[in-house]
Amino acid sequence: MTQTQRRIFLTEYLIREDGSLKNTDIPAQEEAQKRLLRSLMNIRPPRPVPEEFLTVQDAYLQQELAEKGTVSLADLSPIQPGICLWQGDITRLAVDAVVNAANSAMLGCFIPCHGCIDNAIHSAAGVQLRLECARLMEGQQEPDPPGGARITKAWNLPCRHVLHTVGPIVRGPLTGRDCSLLEDCYRSCLALASEHRLKSVAFCCISTGEFHFPAEEAARIAVRTVRSFLEEDGKGMEVIFNVFKDRDREIYRELLE
C-alpha cells in the first residue's frame, strides 16, 4: 500500500464504523485527507478494532514519523548537568518517556485536530493509546485528580513510554494550591520514571496551555522541582524540557543559564 492508500483505507473504515458519518466525503487534497483522518481518530471512542486496521494504521503512522524525523538524546546538548532544553514537536523525541499533559478523563483529547499536547500525542501514537488508557480507567468512578501520574506504552511514538499527568486548572488568580499541584505533577512523573528505571524523560509545559497556568511561574516550579529530584533521587536520569513556543524557550533558557 502507498501512504495515500493507507490513509483512504483508514478513513473509509472509520466512516463505516460510525453510522452518523456515512455521508462524509473524503477530500481529494492530501492535507485535507490527513486532517479528516486525524479528526476521525480523535473522536473515536475506545472500542475494539480489527487487526487489519491496526496493521495499516501502524504502517501509516510509522511512515509519517519517518518523514518528520526523530530526535534522540544524543542529538541534544545539555544546558546544565542532566538537563536539556529542546524546542520542537514532542512526538519526535526518541527518549525513554515523554510526559503528556492529560485531562482528568485520561482518554486523550476528543476535539478534532485540537492544538493541545494531549491531542498531538494520541494522534501520533494511534488508537491503541486510548484503548490502553481506557483499561487503566476501568472501574474508576471518579476522574483522575491533578498531581498524579500514570504510565502507558508509547505505541507508534518513537519514545518507549508515555507518562500521563493531570495538571491544575487555573481559574482566576494563581493560588498556592495550584503551585503545589503542579509541583506534584513533576514529582509524580519523575518518581514513576525512576520506579520503571527510565533514564530519559521529556516534559512538556504542563498546564500552561488550555489550563491557563502562568508560563513563567510554571517554568520556575518545573526547573526547581526537577533540579531537586535529580540531586536527591534521580542520579543518572536525563530530563528534557520540551517547549514549542519561542517565549517558553526564552523563559527556560533564562532560568537554566
Protein backbone atom coordinates (compact mmCIF):
# COMPACT_ATOMS: atom_id res chain seq x y z
CA MET A 1 0.00 0.00 0.00
CA THR A 2 1.10 3.54 -0.67
CA GLN A 3 0.68 6.14 2.07
CA THR A 4 -2.34 7.55 0.23
CA GLN A 5 -3.94 4.11 0.00
CA ARG A 6 -3.38 3.57 3.73
CA ARG A 7 -4.94 6.95 4.53
CA ILE A 8 -8.01 6.21 2.41
CA PHE A 9 -8.37 2.70 3.87
CA LEU A 10 -8.28 4.00 7.44
CA THR A 11 -10.64 6.87 6.70
CA GLU A 12 -13.17 4.66 4.97
CA TYR A 13 -13.10 2.19 7.86
CA LEU A 14 -13.72 4.91 10.46
CA ILE A 15 -16.59 6.36 8.41
CA ARG A 16 -18.22 2.92 8.04
CA GLU A 17 -17.72 2.20 11.75
CA ASP A 18 -19.81 5.20 12.82
CA GLY A 19 -23.21 5.28 11.13
CA SER A 20 -23.60 9.00 11.78
CA LEU A 21 -20.64 9.66 9.46
CA LYS A 22 -21.95 7.77 6.42
CA ASN A 23 -22.40 10.94 4.35
CA THR A 24 -18.83 12.12 4.97
CA ASP A 25 -16.93 12.78 1.74
CA ILE A 26 -13.19 12.16 1.52
CA PRO A 27 -11.49 15.25 0.04
CA ALA A 28 -9.07 14.98 -2.86
CA GLN A 29 -6.32 17.15 -1.35
CA GLU A 30 -3.66 15.35 0.72
CA GLU A 31 -3.60 17.78 3.64
CA ALA A 32 -7.39 17.78 3.86
CA GLN A 33 -7.35 13.97 3.88
CA LYS A 34 -4.79 13.97 6.70
CA ARG A 35 -6.90 16.40 8.71
CA LEU A 36 -10.04 14.31 8.21
CA LEU A 37 -8.28 11.10 9.27
CA ARG A 38 -6.84 12.74 12.39
CA SER A 39 -10.26 14.15 13.24
CA LEU A 40 -11.91 10.74 12.92
CA MET A 41 -9.24 9.16 15.13
CA ASN A 42 -9.63 11.97 17.68
CA ILE A 43 -13.39 11.46 18.09
CA ARG A 44 -13.27 7.65 18.08
CA PRO A 45 -14.25 6.15 21.45
CA PRO A 46 -12.04 3.43 22.97
CA ARG A 47 -13.55 0.28 21.47
CA PRO A 48 -12.06 -2.84 19.85
CA VAL A 49 -10.65 -2.52 16.36
CA PRO A 50 -9.71 -5.25 13.83
CA GLU A 51 -6.08 -6.32 13.50
CA GLU A 52 -6.10 -5.30 9.83
CA PHE A 53 -6.90 -1.71 10.80
CA LEU A 54 -4.07 -1.66 13.34
CA THR A 55 -1.58 -3.07 10.83
CA VAL A 56 -2.42 -0.41 8.26
CA GLN A 57 -2.60 2.36 10.87
CA ASP A 58 0.78 1.45 12.34
CA ALA A 59 2.40 1.41 8.90
CA TYR A 60 0.83 4.79 8.13
CA LEU A 61 1.92 6.42 11.38
CA GLN A 62 5.44 4.99 11.17
CA GLN A 63 5.82 6.47 7.68
CA GLU A 64 4.53 9.83 8.92
CA LEU A 65 7.13 9.66 11.70
CA ALA A 66 9.90 8.79 9.25
CA GLU A 67 9.02 11.87 7.21
CA LYS A 68 9.06 14.10 10.31
CA GLY A 69 12.27 12.56 11.61
CA THR A 70 13.17 11.58 15.16
CA VAL A 71 15.36 13.34 17.70
CA SER A 72 17.37 11.26 20.17
CA LEU A 73 19.01 12.24 23.44
CA ALA A 74 22.38 12.12 21.66
CA ASP A 75 21.16 14.91 19.36
CA LEU A 76 20.64 17.26 22.31
CA SER A 77 23.19 19.33 24.21
CA PRO A 78 22.78 19.61 28.00
CA ILE A 79 22.20 23.15 29.17
CA GLN A 80 23.37 22.01 32.62
CA PRO A 81 24.20 18.55 34.02
CA GLY A 82 21.28 16.19 33.49
CA ILE A 83 19.02 18.80 31.88
CA CYS A 84 18.43 19.66 28.22
CA LEU A 85 16.20 22.28 26.62
CA TRP A 86 14.69 21.47 23.23
CA GLN A 87 12.17 23.35 21.13
CA GLY A 88 10.07 21.26 18.77
CA ASP A 89 7.43 18.57 18.35
CA ILE A 90 7.47 16.28 21.40
CA THR A 91 6.15 13.40 19.28
CA ARG A 92 9.56 13.25 17.54
CA LEU A 93 11.59 12.57 20.69
CA ALA A 94 13.14 9.10 20.89
CA VAL A 95 13.65 9.03 24.66
CA ASP A 96 12.53 6.65 27.39
CA ALA A 97 9.35 8.64 28.13
CA VAL A 98 7.53 11.78 27.17
CA VAL A 99 5.08 13.47 29.52
CA ASN A 100 1.53 14.07 28.36
CA ALA A 101 -0.49 16.87 29.92
CA ALA A 102 -3.69 14.83 30.13
CA ASN A 103 -7.21 15.80 31.10
CA SER A 104 -8.97 14.21 34.06
CA ALA A 105 -10.82 11.66 31.90
CA MET A 106 -7.38 10.27 30.95
CA LEU A 107 -8.60 9.24 27.48
CA GLY A 108 -6.98 11.84 25.28
CA CYS A 109 -8.49 14.88 23.60
CA PHE A 110 -11.73 14.26 21.67
CA ILE A 111 -11.76 17.68 19.94
CA PRO A 112 -10.85 17.13 16.25
CA CYS A 113 -7.33 18.36 15.47
CA HIS A 114 -7.13 20.38 18.68
CA GLY A 115 -3.82 22.09 19.34
CA CYS A 116 -3.19 20.61 22.80
CA ILE A 117 -0.32 18.24 23.56
CA ASP A 118 -2.80 15.53 24.58
CA ASN A 119 -4.26 15.55 21.07
CA ALA A 120 -0.84 15.54 19.41
CA ILE A 121 0.43 12.59 21.45
CA HIS A 122 -2.68 10.44 20.97
CA SER A 123 -2.83 11.27 17.25
CA ALA A 124 0.78 10.19 16.70
CA ALA A 125 0.55 7.13 18.95
CA GLY A 126 -2.57 5.66 17.33
CA VAL A 127 -5.86 4.31 18.64
CA GLN A 128 -4.07 1.78 20.89
CA LEU A 129 -3.10 4.54 23.33
CA ARG A 130 -6.70 5.49 24.04
CA LEU A 131 -7.58 1.82 24.43
CA GLU A 132 -4.77 1.34 26.95
CA CYS A 133 -5.80 4.47 28.85
CA ALA A 134 -9.40 3.19 28.96
CA ARG A 135 -8.16 -0.05 30.51
CA LEU A 136 -6.30 1.95 33.16
CA MET A 137 -9.51 3.82 34.00
CA GLU A 138 -11.76 0.73 34.14
CA GLY A 139 -13.69 0.61 37.36
CA GLN A 140 -12.65 4.10 38.40
CA GLN A 141 -15.76 6.09 39.24
CA GLU A 142 -14.06 9.47 39.55
CA PRO A 143 -11.92 11.48 37.09
CA ASP A 144 -8.19 11.39 37.72
CA PRO A 145 -7.21 14.13 40.17
CA PRO A 146 -4.42 16.62 39.46
CA GLY A 147 -0.89 15.87 40.57
CA GLY A 148 -0.60 12.15 39.93
CA ALA A 149 0.95 10.17 37.08
CA ARG A 150 0.22 7.05 35.05
CA ILE A 151 2.40 5.15 32.59
CA THR A 152 1.50 3.52 29.28
CA LYS A 153 3.25 2.17 26.24
CA ALA A 154 4.08 4.70 23.53
CA TRP A 155 2.80 2.59 20.61
CA ASN A 156 3.71 4.45 17.39
CA LEU A 157 5.65 7.23 19.09
CA PRO A 158 9.47 6.95 18.95
CA CYS A 159 9.73 7.03 22.76
CA ARG A 160 9.23 3.89 24.87
CA HIS A 161 6.56 5.14 27.26
CA VAL A 162 4.13 7.98 27.89
CA LEU A 163 3.72 9.41 31.38
CA HIS A 164 0.26 10.96 31.75
CA THR A 165 -0.34 13.63 34.37
CA VAL A 166 -3.32 15.89 35.03
CA GLY A 167 -2.21 19.41 35.79
CA PRO A 168 -4.11 22.01 37.81
CA ILE A 169 -6.62 24.23 36.02
CA VAL A 170 -6.13 27.87 36.99
CA ARG A 171 -9.37 29.77 37.39
CA GLY A 172 -8.72 33.33 38.42
CA PRO A 173 -5.64 34.41 40.40
CA LEU A 174 -2.90 31.81 40.87
CA THR A 175 -3.07 30.11 44.27
CA GLY A 176 -0.60 28.24 46.43
CA ARG A 177 -2.72 25.13 45.88
CA ASP A 178 -2.26 25.49 42.10
CA CYS A 179 1.51 25.71 42.54
CA SER A 180 1.62 22.73 44.88
CA LEU A 181 -0.37 20.57 42.48
CA LEU A 182 1.88 21.49 39.56
CA GLU A 183 4.93 20.55 41.61
CA ASP A 184 3.20 17.24 42.39
CA CYS A 185 2.81 16.58 38.64
CA TYR A 186 6.55 16.86 38.08
CA ARG A 187 7.46 14.84 41.16
CA SER A 188 4.93 12.11 40.36
CA CYS A 189 6.22 11.74 36.81
CA LEU A 190 9.85 11.62 37.94
CA ALA A 191 9.11 9.11 40.70
CA LEU A 192 7.18 6.89 38.28
CA ALA A 193 10.00 7.11 35.75
CA SER A 194 12.51 6.16 38.43
CA GLU A 195 10.31 3.25 39.56
CA HIS A 196 10.32 1.91 35.98
CA ARG A 197 14.06 2.55 35.63
CA LEU A 198 13.64 5.09 32.84
CA LYS A 199 16.74 7.17 32.19
CA SER A 200 15.41 9.98 29.99
CA VAL A 201 12.16 11.92 30.40
CA ALA A 202 10.87 14.79 28.27
CA PHE A 203 8.45 17.21 29.93
CA CYS A 204 6.03 19.40 28.05
CA CYS A 205 4.92 22.69 29.65
CA ILE A 206 2.28 21.16 31.92
CA SER A 207 -0.90 23.23 32.48
CA THR A 208 0.32 26.35 30.64
CA GLY A 209 -1.96 25.94 27.62
CA GLU A 210 -5.65 25.18 27.98
CA PHE A 211 -5.30 25.05 31.79
CA HIS A 212 -4.06 28.69 31.95
CA PHE A 213 -1.18 28.31 34.41
CA PRO A 214 1.11 31.37 34.00
CA ALA A 215 4.08 30.26 31.91
CA GLU A 216 6.86 31.92 33.91
CA GLU A 217 5.73 30.61 37.28
CA ALA A 218 5.11 27.16 35.80
CA ALA A 219 8.66 27.09 34.42
CA ARG A 220 10.13 28.14 37.78
CA ILE A 221 8.25 25.31 39.51
CA ALA A 222 9.32 22.83 36.83
CA VAL A 223 13.01 23.72 36.98
CA ARG A 224 13.11 23.85 40.79
CA THR A 225 11.34 20.50 41.15
CA VAL A 226 13.43 18.72 38.54
CA ARG A 227 16.70 20.05 39.97
CA SER A 228 15.70 18.94 43.44
CA PHE A 229 14.75 15.45 42.25
CA LEU A 230 17.93 14.98 40.24
CA GLU A 231 20.04 15.99 43.24
CA GLU A 232 18.19 13.80 45.73
CA ASP A 233 16.80 10.76 43.90
CA GLY A 234 17.47 10.91 40.18
CA LYS A 235 21.15 10.21 39.74
CA GLY A 236 21.79 9.22 36.13
CA MET A 237 18.44 10.45 34.84
CA GLU A 238 18.32 12.93 31.96
CA VAL A 239 15.45 15.43 31.79
CA ILE A 240 14.46 17.33 28.67
CA PHE A 241 12.33 20.44 28.93
CA ASN A 242 10.41 20.41 25.67
CA VAL A 243 8.95 23.73 24.56
CA PHE A 244 7.04 24.71 21.45
CA LYS A 245 6.69 28.49 21.69
CA ASP A 246 9.62 30.90 21.36
CA ARG A 247 8.58 32.67 24.57
CA ASP A 248 8.70 29.41 26.54
CA ARG A 249 12.18 28.71 25.18
CA GLU A 250 13.32 32.14 26.37
CA ILE A 251 11.81 31.60 29.84
CA TYR A 252 13.50 28.23 30.33
CA ARG A 253 16.81 29.40 28.91
CA GLU A 254 16.90 32.32 31.37
CA LEU A 255 16.11 30.02 34.29
CA LEU A 256 18.60 27.34 33.31
CA GLU A 257 21.51 29.55 32.26
